[in-house]
C-alpha atoms as a PDB file:
ATOM      1  CA  MET A   1       0.000   0.000   0.000  1.00  0.00           C
ATOM      2  CA  ILE A   2       1.247   3.504  -0.845  1.00  0.00           C
ATOM      3  CA  ARG A   3       0.908   6.193   1.762  1.00  0.00           C
ATOM      4  CA  LEU A   4      -0.625   9.443   0.476  1.00  0.00           C
ATOM      5  CA  ASN A   5       2.409  11.536   1.392  1.00  0.00           C
ATOM      6  CA  ASN A   6       4.591   9.242  -0.717  1.00  0.00           C
ATOM      7  CA  PHE A   7       2.678   9.629  -3.976  1.00  0.00           C
ATOM      8  CA  VAL A   8       5.230  12.116  -5.321  1.00  0.00           C
ATOM      9  CA  TRP A   9       8.129   9.697  -5.367  1.00  0.00           C
ATOM     10  CA  PHE A  10       5.962   6.842  -6.640  1.00  0.00           C
ATOM     11  CA  LEU A  11       4.585   8.643  -9.651  1.00  0.00           C
ATOM     12  CA  LYS A  12       6.297  11.988 -10.253  1.00  0.00           C
ATOM     13  CA  MET A  13      10.044  12.002 -10.715  1.00  0.00           C
ATOM     14  CA  LEU A  14      12.540  14.404 -12.238  1.00  0.00           C
ATOM     15  CA  PHE A  15      14.881  12.850 -14.785  1.00  0.00           C
ATOM     16  CA  VAL A  16      17.483  13.739 -17.393  1.00  0.00           C
ATOM     17  CA  THR A  17      17.873  12.026 -20.756  1.00  0.00           C
ATOM     18  CA  ASN A  18      19.714  12.165 -24.044  1.00  0.00           C
ATOM     19  CA  ARG A  19      17.446   9.608 -25.707  1.00  0.00           C
ATOM     20  CA  VAL A  20      15.906  10.578 -29.048  1.00  0.00           C
ATOM     21  CA  LEU A  21      12.426  12.042 -28.556  1.00  0.00           C
ATOM     22  CA  GLN A  22       9.549  11.548 -30.963  1.00  0.00           C
ATOM     23  CA  GLU A  23       8.911  15.309 -30.858  1.00  0.00           C
ATOM     24  CA  GLY A  24      12.477  16.150 -31.869  1.00  0.00           C
ATOM     25  CA  PRO A  25      14.836  18.702 -30.250  1.00  0.00           C
ATOM     26  CA  THR A  26      13.602  21.395 -27.885  1.00  0.00           C
ATOM     27  CA  PRO A  27      11.792  24.083 -29.947  1.00  0.00           C
ATOM     28  CA  VAL A  28      13.622  27.421 -30.043  1.00  0.00           C
ATOM     29  CA  ASN A  29      11.771  30.715 -30.468  1.00  0.00           C
ATOM     30  CA  PRO A  30      13.112  33.585 -32.662  1.00  0.00           C
ATOM     31  CA  ASP A  31      14.325  35.405 -29.535  1.00  0.00           C
ATOM     32  CA  GLY A  32      16.365  32.376 -28.449  1.00  0.00           C
ATOM     33  CA  SER A  33      13.984  31.261 -25.706  1.00  0.00           C
ATOM     34  CA  PHE A  34      12.588  27.734 -25.556  1.00  0.00           C
ATOM     35  CA  THR A  35       8.986  26.631 -25.918  1.00  0.00           C
ATOM     36  CA  LEU A  36       8.636  24.791 -22.612  1.00  0.00           C
ATOM     37  CA  PRO A  37       7.156  22.890 -20.927  1.00  0.00           C
ATOM     38  CA  ARG A  38       6.113  20.398 -23.590  1.00  0.00           C
ATOM     39  CA  GLN A  39       4.796  16.839 -23.625  1.00  0.00           C
ATOM     40  CA  ILE A  40       7.384  14.328 -24.866  1.00  0.00           C
ATOM     41  CA  HIS A  41       7.670  10.641 -25.742  1.00  0.00           C
ATOM     42  CA  PHE A  42      10.740   8.411 -26.069  1.00  0.00           C
ATOM     43  CA  ASP A  43      11.560   7.001 -29.506  1.00  0.00           C
ATOM     44  CA  LEU A  44      12.546   3.611 -28.129  1.00  0.00           C
ATOM     45  CA  ALA A  45      13.369   2.180 -31.559  1.00  0.00           C
ATOM     46  CA  ASN A  46      16.162   4.748 -31.950  1.00  0.00           C
ATOM     47  CA  ASN A  47      19.156   4.297 -29.651  1.00  0.00           C
ATOM     48  CA  GLN A  48      21.338   7.000 -31.187  1.00  0.00           C
ATOM     49  CA  ALA A  49      22.896   9.136 -28.489  1.00  0.00           C
ATOM     50  CA  GLU A  50      21.685  12.730 -28.700  1.00  0.00           C
ATOM     51  CA  GLN A  51      24.300  15.382 -27.985  1.00  0.00           C
ATOM     52  CA  SER A  52      21.492  17.439 -26.491  1.00  0.00           C
ATOM     53  CA  VAL A  53      20.326  16.687 -22.966  1.00  0.00           C
ATOM     54  CA  TYR A  54      16.684  17.069 -21.933  1.00  0.00           C
ATOM     55  CA  PHE A  55      15.574  18.035 -18.409  1.00  0.00           C
ATOM     56  CA  CYS A  56      12.240  16.402 -17.713  1.00  0.00           C
ATOM     57  CA  GLN A  57       9.606  15.251 -15.248  1.00  0.00           C
ATOM     58  CA  ARG A  58       7.762  11.943 -15.218  1.00  0.00           C
ATOM     59  CA  ASN A  59       4.173  12.504 -14.084  1.00  0.00           C
ATOM     60  CA  ASP A  60       2.968   8.911 -14.468  1.00  0.00           C
ATOM     61  CA  ASP A  61       3.630   5.810 -16.561  1.00  0.00           C
ATOM     62  CA  ASN A  62       4.581   6.977 -20.085  1.00  0.00           C
ATOM     63  CA  ASN A  63       3.617  10.556 -19.181  1.00  0.00           C
ATOM     64  CA  TYR A  64       6.654  12.827 -19.538  1.00  0.00           C
ATOM     65  CA  VAL A  65       7.132  16.589 -19.747  1.00  0.00           C
ATOM     66  CA  GLU A  66      10.289  18.459 -20.730  1.00  0.00           C
ATOM     67  CA  ILE A  67      10.671  21.399 -18.340  1.00  0.00           C
ATOM     68  CA  GLY A  68      14.148  22.766 -19.157  1.00  0.00           C
ATOM     69  CA  ASN A  69      17.316  23.048 -17.103  1.00  0.00           C
ATOM     70  CA  ARG A  70      16.392  26.177 -15.115  1.00  0.00           C
ATOM     71  CA  ALA A  71      13.087  24.761 -13.910  1.00  0.00           C
ATOM     72  CA  PHE A  72      14.787  21.411 -13.268  1.00  0.00           C
ATOM     73  CA  PHE A  73      17.604  22.773 -11.096  1.00  0.00           C
ATOM     74  CA  SER A  74      15.238  25.153  -9.321  1.00  0.00           C
ATOM     75  CA  ALA A  75      12.918  22.244  -8.502  1.00  0.00           C
ATOM     76  CA  LEU A  76      15.822  20.328  -6.972  1.00  0.00           C
ATOM     77  CA  LYS A  77      16.880  23.369  -4.962  1.00  0.00           C
ATOM     78  CA  GLU A  78      13.355  24.006  -3.687  1.00  0.00           C
ATOM     79  CA  SER A  79      12.444  20.382  -2.927  1.00  0.00           C
ATOM     80  CA  ARG A  80      12.314  19.237   0.682  1.00  0.00           C
ATOM     81  CA  ALA A  81      15.085  16.703   0.035  1.00  0.00           C
ATOM     82  CA  GLN A  82      18.331  17.332   1.893  1.00  0.00           C
ATOM     83  CA  GLN A  83      20.476  15.456  -0.639  1.00  0.00           C
ATOM     84  CA  ILE A  84      20.251  14.520  -4.319  1.00  0.00           C
ATOM     85  CA  LEU A  85      21.265  11.198  -5.862  1.00  0.00           C
ATOM     86  CA  PHE A  86      21.622  10.845  -9.635  1.00  0.00           C
ATOM     87  CA  TYR A  87      21.090   7.233 -10.737  1.00  0.00           C
ATOM     88  CA  MET A  88      22.926   6.183 -13.942  1.00  0.00           C
ATOM     89  CA  HIS A  89      21.545   2.823 -15.045  1.00  0.00           C
ATOM     90  CA  GLY A  90      23.277  -0.098 -16.723  1.00  0.00           C
ATOM     91  CA  TYR A  91      22.938  -1.673 -20.156  1.00  0.00           C
ATOM     92  CA  SER A  92      19.814  -3.116 -21.799  1.00  0.00           C
ATOM     93  CA  SER A  93      17.534  -0.944 -19.657  1.00  0.00           C
ATOM     94  CA  LEU A  94      14.474   0.822 -21.050  1.00  0.00           C
ATOM     95  CA  PRO A  95      12.612   3.547 -19.120  1.00  0.00           C
ATOM     96  CA  GLU A  96       9.345   1.978 -17.939  1.00  0.00           C
ATOM     97  CA  PRO A  97      10.235  -1.715 -17.769  1.00  0.00           C
ATOM     98  CA  ALA A  98      13.508  -1.138 -15.918  1.00  0.00           C
ATOM     99  CA  ILE A  99      14.869   2.342 -15.150  1.00  0.00           C
ATOM    100  CA  PHE A 100      11.943   4.076 -13.457  1.00  0.00           C
ATOM    101  CA  PRO A 101      11.006   0.981 -11.389  1.00  0.00           C
ATOM    102  CA  LYS A 102      14.609   0.703 -10.149  1.00  0.00           C
ATOM    103  CA  ALA A 103      14.691   4.435  -9.381  1.00  0.00           C
ATOM    104  CA  ARG A 104      11.421   4.056  -7.446  1.00  0.00           C
ATOM    105  CA  GLU A 105      12.898   1.124  -5.553  1.00  0.00           C
ATOM    106  CA  LEU A 106      15.912   3.223  -4.586  1.00  0.00           C
ATOM    107  CA  GLN A 107      13.605   6.082  -3.562  1.00  0.00           C
ATOM    108  CA  ARG A 108      11.552   3.678  -1.436  1.00  0.00           C
ATOM    109  CA  LEU A 109      14.661   2.377   0.316  1.00  0.00           C
ATOM    110  CA  PHE A 110      15.974   5.888   1.016  1.00  0.00           C
ATOM    111  CA  ASP A 111      12.549   6.967   2.307  1.00  0.00           C
ATOM    112  CA  GLN A 112      12.537   3.930   4.563  1.00  0.00           C
ATOM    113  CA  LYS A 113      15.733   5.236   6.132  1.00  0.00           C
ATOM    114  CA  ALA A 114      14.596   8.867   6.366  1.00  0.00           C
ATOM    115  CA  GLU A 115      11.519   9.935   4.448  1.00  0.00           C
ATOM    116  CA  GLY A 116      12.154  12.776   2.023  1.00  0.00           C
ATOM    117  CA  TYR A 117      15.853  13.072   2.917  1.00  0.00           C
ATOM    118  CA  VAL A 118      17.206  11.904  -0.472  1.00  0.00           C
ATOM    119  CA  GLN A 119      15.723  12.615  -3.900  1.00  0.00           C
ATOM    120  CA  VAL A 120      16.571  10.079  -6.604  1.00  0.00           C
ATOM    121  CA  VAL A 121      16.943  11.442 -10.150  1.00  0.00           C
ATOM    122  CA  PRO A 122      17.409   8.943 -13.018  1.00  0.00           C
ATOM    123  CA  VAL A 123      19.855   9.756 -15.811  1.00  0.00           C
ATOM    124  CA  ILE A 124      18.566   7.914 -18.892  1.00  0.00           C
ATOM    125  CA  TRP A 125      20.995   7.198 -21.728  1.00  0.00           C
ATOM    126  CA  PRO A 126      19.895   5.375 -24.906  1.00  0.00           C
ATOM    127  CA  CYS A 127      19.970   1.602 -24.413  1.00  0.00           C
ATOM    128  CA  ASP A 128      18.853  -0.577 -27.314  1.00  0.00           C
ATOM    129  CA  ASN A 129      15.589  -2.533 -27.412  1.00  0.00           C
ATOM    130  CA  ASP A 130      16.821  -5.179 -29.867  1.00  0.00           C
ATOM    131  CA  PHE A 131      16.508  -8.862 -29.090  1.00  0.00           C
ATOM    132  CA  GLY A 132      19.740 -10.641 -28.261  1.00  0.00           C
ATOM    133  CA  ALA A 133      22.046  -9.966 -25.336  1.00  0.00           C
ATOM    134  CA  VAL A 134      25.258  -9.822 -27.385  1.00  0.00           C
ATOM    135  CA  LYS A 135      23.907  -7.315 -29.916  1.00  0.00           C
ATOM    136  CA  ASP A 136      22.444  -5.254 -27.078  1.00  0.00           C
ATOM    137  CA  TYR A 137      25.793  -5.206 -25.302  1.00  0.00           C
ATOM    138  CA  TYR A 138      27.770  -3.861 -28.280  1.00  0.00           C
ATOM    139  CA  ASP A 139      25.068  -1.372 -29.280  1.00  0.00           C
ATOM    140  CA  ASP A 140      24.777  -0.105 -25.713  1.00  0.00           C
ATOM    141  CA  GLN A 141      28.532   0.197 -25.277  1.00  0.00           C
ATOM    142  CA  ILE A 142      28.649   2.494 -28.311  1.00  0.00           C
ATOM    143  CA  ALA A 143      25.663   4.485 -27.019  1.00  0.00           C
ATOM    144  CA  ALA A 144      27.256   4.831 -23.573  1.00  0.00           C
ATOM    145  CA  ASP A 145      30.504   6.173 -25.026  1.00  0.00           C
ATOM    146  CA  ALA A 146      28.619   8.465 -27.404  1.00  0.00           C
ATOM    147  CA  SER A 147      26.626   9.957 -24.514  1.00  0.00           C
ATOM    148  CA  ASP A 148      29.652  11.650 -22.963  1.00  0.00           C
ATOM    149  CA  ILE A 149      29.086  15.003 -24.676  1.00  0.00           C
ATOM    150  CA  ALA A 150      25.443  15.212 -23.594  1.00  0.00           C
ATOM    151  CA  TYR A 151      26.246  14.622 -19.939  1.00  0.00           C
ATOM    152  CA  ALA A 152      29.273  16.879 -20.069  1.00  0.00           C
ATOM    153  CA  ARG A 153      26.710  19.513 -21.036  1.00  0.00           C
ATOM    154  CA  LEU A 154      24.588  18.468 -18.049  1.00  0.00           C
ATOM    155  CA  PHE A 155      27.508  19.083 -15.702  1.00  0.00           C
ATOM    156  CA  GLU A 156      28.401  22.374 -17.360  1.00  0.00           C
ATOM    157  CA  LYS A 157      24.793  23.603 -17.256  1.00  0.00           C
ATOM    158  CA  PHE A 158      24.671  22.749 -13.566  1.00  0.00           C
ATOM    159  CA  LEU A 159      27.935  24.580 -12.851  1.00  0.00           C
ATOM    160  CA  ARG A 160      26.637  27.682 -14.653  1.00  0.00           C
ATOM    161  CA  TRP A 161      23.295  27.484 -12.854  1.00  0.00           C
ATOM    162  CA  ARG A 162      25.069  27.149  -9.523  1.00  0.00           C
ATOM    163  CA  GLU A 163      27.144  30.270 -10.163  1.00  0.00           C
ATOM    164  CA  GLY A 164      24.032  32.314 -10.866  1.00  0.00           C
ATOM    165  CA  ASN A 165      21.710  30.841  -8.250  1.00  0.00           C
ATOM    166  CA  SER A 166      23.759  30.194  -5.135  1.00  0.00           C
ATOM    167  CA  THR A 167      24.050  33.504  -3.326  1.00  0.00           C
ATOM    168  CA  LEU A 168      24.923  34.264   0.269  1.00  0.00           C
ATOM    169  CA  ASP A 169      21.273  35.143   0.861  1.00  0.00           C
ATOM    170  CA  ASP A 170      19.861  31.984  -0.732  1.00  0.00           C
ATOM    171  CA  PRO A 171      22.568  29.349  -1.186  1.00  0.00           C
ATOM    172  CA  CYS A 172      21.960  25.831  -2.471  1.00  0.00           C
ATOM    173  CA  THR A 173      23.825  23.592  -0.044  1.00  0.00           C
ATOM    174  CA  LYS A 174      22.387  20.175  -0.898  1.00  0.00           C
ATOM    175  CA  PRO A 175      25.077  17.523  -1.328  1.00  0.00           C
ATOM    176  CA  ILE A 176      24.929  15.686  -4.647  1.00  0.00           C
ATOM    177  CA  ASN A 177      25.686  11.982  -5.015  1.00  0.00           C
ATOM    178  CA  ILE A 178      25.930   9.715  -8.069  1.00  0.00           C
ATOM    179  CA  LEU A 179      25.108   6.023  -8.177  1.00  0.00           C
ATOM    180  CA  ALA A 180      26.314   4.488 -11.433  1.00  0.00           C
ATOM    181  CA  HIS A 181      25.497   0.860 -12.201  1.00  0.00           C
ATOM    182  CA  SER A 182      27.267  -1.388 -14.689  1.00  0.00           C
ATOM    183  CA  MET A 183      27.685   0.355 -18.076  1.00  0.00           C
ATOM    184  CA  GLY A 184      26.411   3.606 -16.577  1.00  0.00           C
ATOM    185  CA  ASN A 185      29.959   3.977 -15.249  1.00  0.00           C
ATOM    186  CA  ARG A 186      31.181   4.353 -18.838  1.00  0.00           C
ATOM    187  CA  VAL A 187      28.767   7.258 -19.263  1.00  0.00           C
ATOM    188  CA  LEU A 188      29.996   8.827 -16.024  1.00  0.00           C
ATOM    189  CA  ARG A 189      33.666   8.425 -16.902  1.00  0.00           C
ATOM    190  CA  GLY A 190      33.227   9.912 -20.373  1.00  0.00           C
ATOM    191  CA  ALA A 191      31.054  12.805 -19.189  1.00  0.00           C
ATOM    192  CA  ILE A 192      33.572  13.958 -16.590  1.00  0.00           C
ATOM    193  CA  ALA A 193      36.496  13.579 -19.009  1.00  0.00           C
ATOM    194  CA  ARG A 194      34.688  15.568 -21.727  1.00  0.00           C
ATOM    195  CA  THR A 195      33.702  18.269 -19.224  1.00  0.00           C
ATOM    196  CA  ILE A 196      37.379  18.836 -18.520  1.00  0.00           C
ATOM    197  CA  GLN A 197      38.299  18.662 -22.214  1.00  0.00           C
ATOM    198  CA  TYR A 198      35.717  21.180 -23.412  1.00  0.00           C
ATOM    199  CA  PHE A 199      34.506  23.251 -20.452  1.00  0.00           C
ATOM    200  CA  GLN A 200      36.765  22.997 -17.395  1.00  0.00           C
ATOM    201  CA  PRO A 201      40.396  22.761 -18.622  1.00  0.00           C
ATOM    202  CA  GLN A 202      41.709  23.608 -15.153  1.00  0.00           C
ATOM    203  CA  GLY A 203      40.063  20.496 -13.733  1.00  0.00           C
ATOM    204  CA  PHE A 204      36.688  19.263 -12.598  1.00  0.00           C
ATOM    205  CA  PRO A 205      35.510  21.005  -9.405  1.00  0.00           C
ATOM    206  CA  LEU A 206      34.782  18.954  -6.301  1.00  0.00           C
ATOM    207  CA  ILE A 207      30.981  19.150  -6.396  1.00  0.00           C
ATOM    208  CA  PHE A 208      29.881  15.637  -5.369  1.00  0.00           C
ATOM    209  CA  ARG A 209      29.702  14.076  -1.940  1.00  0.00           C
ATOM    210  CA  ASN A 210      29.852  10.427  -3.002  1.00  0.00           C
ATOM    211  CA  ILE A 211      30.172   8.601  -6.298  1.00  0.00           C
ATOM    212  CA  PHE A 212      29.108   4.969  -6.015  1.00  0.00           C
ATOM    213  CA  MET A 213      30.484   2.728  -8.772  1.00  0.00           C
ATOM    214  CA  THR A 214      28.402  -0.435  -8.515  1.00  0.00           C
ATOM    215  CA  ALA A 215      29.230  -3.521 -10.626  1.00  0.00           C
ATOM    216  CA  ALA A 216      31.147  -1.109 -12.858  1.00  0.00           C
ATOM    217  CA  ASP A 217      31.539  -2.273 -16.454  1.00  0.00           C
ATOM    218  CA  VAL A 218      34.818  -0.446 -17.014  1.00  0.00           C
ATOM    219  CA  SER A 219      38.384  -1.739 -16.912  1.00  0.00           C
ATOM    220  CA  ASN A 220      39.799  -2.188 -13.432  1.00  0.00           C
ATOM    221  CA  ASN A 221      42.537   0.396 -14.047  1.00  0.00           C
ATOM    222  CA  THR A 222      39.973   3.107 -14.913  1.00  0.00           C
ATOM    223  CA  LEU A 223      40.624   5.123 -11.738  1.00  0.00           C
ATOM    224  CA  ASP A 224      44.418   4.886 -12.017  1.00  0.00           C
ATOM    225  CA  PHE A 225      46.487   8.058 -12.162  1.00  0.00           C
ATOM    226  CA  GLY A 226      46.846   9.042 -15.810  1.00  0.00           C
ATOM    227  CA  GLN A 227      43.616   7.363 -16.941  1.00  0.00           C
ATOM    228  CA  ASP A 228      40.456   9.271 -17.878  1.00  0.00           C
ATOM    229  CA  GLY A 229      38.712   7.869 -14.805  1.00  0.00           C
ATOM    230  CA  GLU A 230      41.223   9.577 -12.508  1.00  0.00           C
ATOM    231  CA  PHE A 231      39.054  12.700 -12.786  1.00  0.00           C
ATOM    232  CA  ILE A 232      36.131  10.864 -11.167  1.00  0.00           C
ATOM    233  CA  ALA A 233      38.068  10.942  -7.904  1.00  0.00           C
ATOM    234  CA  HIS A 234      38.821  14.647  -8.381  1.00  0.00           C
ATOM    235  CA  SER A 235      35.114  15.489  -8.559  1.00  0.00           C
ATOM    236  CA  THR A 236      33.953  13.973  -5.278  1.00  0.00           C
ATOM    237  CA  ARG A 237      34.735  13.529  -1.602  1.00  0.00           C
ATOM    238  CA  ASN A 238      34.465   9.746  -1.829  1.00  0.00           C
ATOM    239  CA  VAL A 239      34.549   7.164  -4.623  1.00  0.00           C
ATOM    240  CA  VAL A 240      33.057   3.879  -3.400  1.00  0.00           C
ATOM    241  CA  VAL A 241      33.505   0.824  -5.638  1.00  0.00           C
ATOM    242  CA  TYR A 242      31.307  -2.257  -5.092  1.00  0.00           C
ATOM    243  CA  PHE A 243      32.475  -5.433  -6.860  1.00  0.00           C
ATOM    244  CA  ALA A 244      31.942  -9.195  -6.871  1.00  0.00           C
ATOM    245  CA  GLY A 245      34.174 -11.864  -8.354  1.00  0.00           C
ATOM    246  CA  ASP A 246      31.235 -14.065  -9.368  1.00  0.00           C
ATOM    247  CA  ASP A 247      29.232 -11.358 -11.145  1.00  0.00           C
ATOM    248  CA  LEU A 248      28.350 -13.200 -14.352  1.00  0.00           C
ATOM    249  CA  ALA A 249      27.676  -9.986 -16.255  1.00  0.00           C
ATOM    250  CA  MET A 250      31.272  -8.931 -15.606  1.00  0.00           C
ATOM    251  CA  ARG A 251      32.562 -12.240 -16.975  1.00  0.00           C
ATOM    252  CA  ALA A 252      30.534 -11.749 -20.139  1.00  0.00           C
ATOM    253  CA  SER A 253      31.831  -8.187 -20.431  1.00  0.00           C
ATOM    254  CA  LYS A 254      35.432  -9.353 -20.086  1.00  0.00           C
ATOM    255  CA  VAL A 255      34.932 -11.845 -22.926  1.00  0.00           C
ATOM    256  CA  ALA A 256      33.159  -9.246 -25.067  1.00  0.00           C
ATOM    257  CA  ASN A 257      35.995  -6.738 -24.652  1.00  0.00           C
ATOM    258  CA  MET A 258      38.635  -9.406 -25.479  1.00  0.00           C
ATOM    259  CA  SER A 259      41.729  -7.704 -24.102  1.00  0.00           C
ATOM    260  CA  VAL A 260      44.361  -8.489 -21.492  1.00  0.00           C
ATOM    261  CA  THR A 261      43.474  -5.138 -19.938  1.00  0.00           C
ATOM    262  CA  ALA A 262      39.729  -5.903 -19.932  1.00  0.00           C
ATOM    263  CA  ARG A 263      39.454  -7.105 -16.320  1.00  0.00           C
ATOM    264  CA  ARG A 264      36.395  -5.282 -15.072  1.00  0.00           C
ATOM    265  CA  MET A 265      36.174  -2.944 -12.093  1.00  0.00           C
ATOM    266  CA  GLY A 266      32.921  -4.618 -11.072  1.00  0.00           C
ATOM    267  CA  HIS A 267      34.709  -7.966 -11.009  1.00  0.00           C
ATOM    268  CA  THR A 268      37.925  -7.207  -9.116  1.00  0.00           C
ATOM    269  CA  GLY A 269      37.661  -3.651  -7.795  1.00  0.00           C
ATOM    270  CA  PRO A 270      40.546  -1.299  -8.630  1.00  0.00           C
ATOM    271  CA  GLU A 271      43.523  -3.270  -9.939  1.00  0.00           C
ATOM    272  CA  ARG A 272      45.919  -1.698  -7.411  1.00  0.00           C
ATOM    273  CA  MET A 273      44.845   0.636  -4.627  1.00  0.00           C
ATOM    274  CA  ASP A 274      48.270   2.298  -4.574  1.00  0.00           C
ATOM    275  CA  LYS A 275      47.630   3.558  -8.134  1.00  0.00           C
ATOM    276  CA  VAL A 276      44.393   5.370  -7.324  1.00  0.00           C
ATOM    277  CA  SER A 277      43.501   8.429  -5.286  1.00  0.00           C
ATOM    278  CA  ARG A 278      43.268   8.023  -1.520  1.00  0.00           C
ATOM    279  CA  ASN A 279      39.567   8.884  -1.564  1.00  0.00           C
ATOM    280  CA  VAL A 280      38.818   5.625  -3.437  1.00  0.00           C
ATOM    281  CA  PHE A 281      37.368   2.760  -1.386  1.00  0.00           C
ATOM    282  CA  ALA A 282      36.552  -0.784  -2.536  1.00  0.00           C
ATOM    283  CA  LEU A 283      33.962  -3.185  -1.086  1.00  0.00           C
ATOM    284  CA  ASP A 284      33.908  -6.866  -2.066  1.00  0.00           C
ATOM    285  CA  CYS A 285      30.243  -7.936  -2.266  1.00  0.00           C
ATOM    286  CA  GLY A 286      30.917 -11.517  -3.297  1.00  0.00           C
ATOM    287  CA  ASP A 287      29.306 -12.978  -0.163  1.00  0.00           C
ATOM    288  CA  PHE A 288      25.800 -11.849  -1.091  1.00  0.00           C
ATOM    289  CA  ASN A 289      25.538 -10.639  -4.694  1.00  0.00           C
ATOM    290  CA  ASN A 290      24.183 -13.935  -6.009  1.00  0.00           C
ATOM    291  CA  VAL A 291      21.861 -14.319  -3.038  1.00  0.00           C
ATOM    292  CA  TYR A 292      20.237 -10.973  -3.891  1.00  0.00           C
ATOM    293  CA  ASP A 293      20.325 -11.332  -7.695  1.00  0.00           C
ATOM    294  CA  ASN A 294      20.336 -14.970  -8.720  1.00  0.00           C
ATOM    295  CA  PRO A 295      21.779 -16.199 -11.050  1.00  0.00           C
ATOM    296  CA  THR A 296      23.752 -13.247 -12.499  1.00  0.00           C
ATOM    297  CA  GLY A 297      24.814 -11.539  -9.259  1.00  0.00           C
ATOM    298  CA  HIS A 298      24.867  -8.162 -11.005  1.00  0.00           C
ATOM    299  CA  GLY A 299      22.045  -6.045  -9.524  1.00  0.00           C
ATOM    300  CA  TYR A 300      22.887  -6.380  -5.838  1.00  0.00           C
ATOM    301  CA  PHE A 301      23.133  -2.678  -4.940  1.00  0.00           C
ATOM    302  CA  ALA A 302      19.558  -2.090  -3.738  1.00  0.00           C
ATOM    303  CA  SER A 303      17.267  -4.534  -1.903  1.00  0.00           C
ATOM    304  CA  ASP A 304      17.860  -8.087  -0.748  1.00  0.00           C
ATOM    305  CA  GLN A 305      15.819 -11.100  -1.815  1.00  0.00           C
ATOM    306  CA  ASN A 306      13.020 -10.067   0.564  1.00  0.00           C
ATOM    307  CA  GLY A 307      12.790  -6.462  -0.658  1.00  0.00           C
ATOM    308  CA  ASN A 308      14.576  -5.030   2.381  1.00  0.00           C
ATOM    309  CA  PRO A 309      17.615  -2.738   2.187  1.00  0.00           C
ATOM    310  CA  GLY A 310      20.585  -4.909   1.289  1.00  0.00           C
ATOM    311  CA  LEU A 311      24.113  -4.807   2.645  1.00  0.00           C
ATOM    312  CA  ALA A 312      25.407  -2.673  -0.215  1.00  0.00           C
ATOM    313  CA  PHE A 313      22.464  -0.269   0.005  1.00  0.00           C
ATOM    314  CA  ASP A 314      22.863   0.118   3.766  1.00  0.00           C
ATOM    315  CA  HIS A 315      26.535   0.938   3.189  1.00  0.00           C
ATOM    316  CA  ILE A 316      25.545   3.461   0.516  1.00  0.00           C
ATOM    317  CA  TRP A 317      23.034   5.024   2.912  1.00  0.00           C
ATOM    318  CA  SER A 318      25.662   5.375   5.629  1.00  0.00           C
ATOM    319  CA  CYS A 319      28.021   7.109   3.173  1.00  0.00           C
ATOM    320  CA  VAL A 320      25.243   9.500   2.127  1.00  0.00           C
ATOM    321  CA  ALA A 321      24.105  10.264   5.674  1.00  0.00           C
ATOM    322  CA  ARG A 322      27.562  10.648   7.242  1.00  0.00           C
ATOM    323  CA  GLY A 323      29.721  11.824   4.377  1.00  0.00           C
ATOM    324  CA  ARG A 324      32.288   9.213   5.387  1.00  0.00           C
ATOM    325  CA  VAL A 325      32.856   5.673   4.132  1.00  0.00           C
ATOM    326  CA  PRO A 326      32.453   3.010   6.839  1.00  0.00           C
ATOM    327  CA  MET A 327      35.439   0.646   6.669  1.00  0.00           C
ATOM    328  CA  GLU A 328      36.901  -2.002   8.916  1.00  0.00           C
ATOM    329  CA  PRO A 329      39.481  -1.165  10.100  1.00  0.00           C
ATOM    330  CA  ALA A 330      38.485   2.496  10.146  1.00  0.00           C
ATOM    331  CA  ASN A 331      41.538   3.584   8.135  1.00  0.00           C
ATOM    332  CA  GLY A 332      41.184   0.777   5.590  1.00  0.00           C
ATOM    333  CA  ARG A 333      40.393   1.275   1.911  1.00  0.00           C
ATOM    334  CA  ILE A 334      39.416  -2.246   0.792  1.00  0.00           C
ATOM    335  CA  MET A 335      37.376  -4.868   2.615  1.00  0.00           C
ATOM    336  CA  ILE A 336      34.908  -7.741   2.268  1.00  0.00           C
ATOM    337  CA  LEU A 337      31.378  -6.496   2.986  1.00  0.00           C
ATOM    338  CA  ARG A 338      29.790  -9.182   5.181  1.00  0.00           C
ATOM    339  CA  THR A 339      27.909  -7.448   7.976  1.00  0.00           C
ATOM    340  CA  ARG A 340      26.478  -4.078   8.911  1.00  0.00           C
ATOM    341  CA  PHE A 341      29.395  -3.489  11.257  1.00  0.00           C
ATOM    342  CA  TRP A 342      28.883   0.294  11.350  1.00  0.00           C
ATOM    343  CA  GLN A 343      25.349   0.202  12.806  1.00  0.00           C
END
């Protein structure tokens, strides 16, 4: 049963996308303004990655409105949530069958911890809806890499909005977190790297509280100094990597990438902790990933098999709430996640 005061998170939800829309790009008026808001629909048969990014609201199943970046960021600033979490989904995920239900599940779990404290915002990049897992994987990998420009624009639009809308009289102080799952980590890595390349040549500012890299479908040296993923650690207080050696999706990804350097972050964690920034932490989830998500062991970052907050989610919640990464020992940076030792 849904409580009345929870209807907003169950039905309405802000989201960002670079999927192709049936209505085409945002209409521009002669004076340069945009004709917004407008009703929109996804073109699910087209998985080309738009370089434009659309700021939207989901009102109900298959009921979406583009509202524009100013209204979007203002809505986040004015919401009762104390923190924001952007959710970047994995491969072979379409909006209604997969992405929005998972975002609602995350919202439910956060509200169970502290109602209204965290607002979950899906970031929807263009997965394919073809039949066949192998074809989907290659198509989605291309789409993920091609989405970097769009989400670099998202970050740059946010940085510009923040400069103009965070004053001493009315500052926006909400911490921002990112939870990237599977191939969504490719989108994240590319977006931050392109932001630096095109918009922030002096480096990406530290604007995030936590970046959670769950079952990350990127090479396990991605966060190493000198790699594009190094900038992920520059952008946030904490980078928390969750991995599992028996994640079957990671094994398939390793085979698909066919390279001696293709060991996946979601399979092994960072290759060597001495080659990554000191704000990178790694949690081995191999003791429960297949219990939560049988038989693939890939989607273990939210609820357990009974729908309750899982071990990884509880760890994520503690990072969000405290701003610190619970580790055992306290000064450790890599550990096996077995119990809720921090509670």
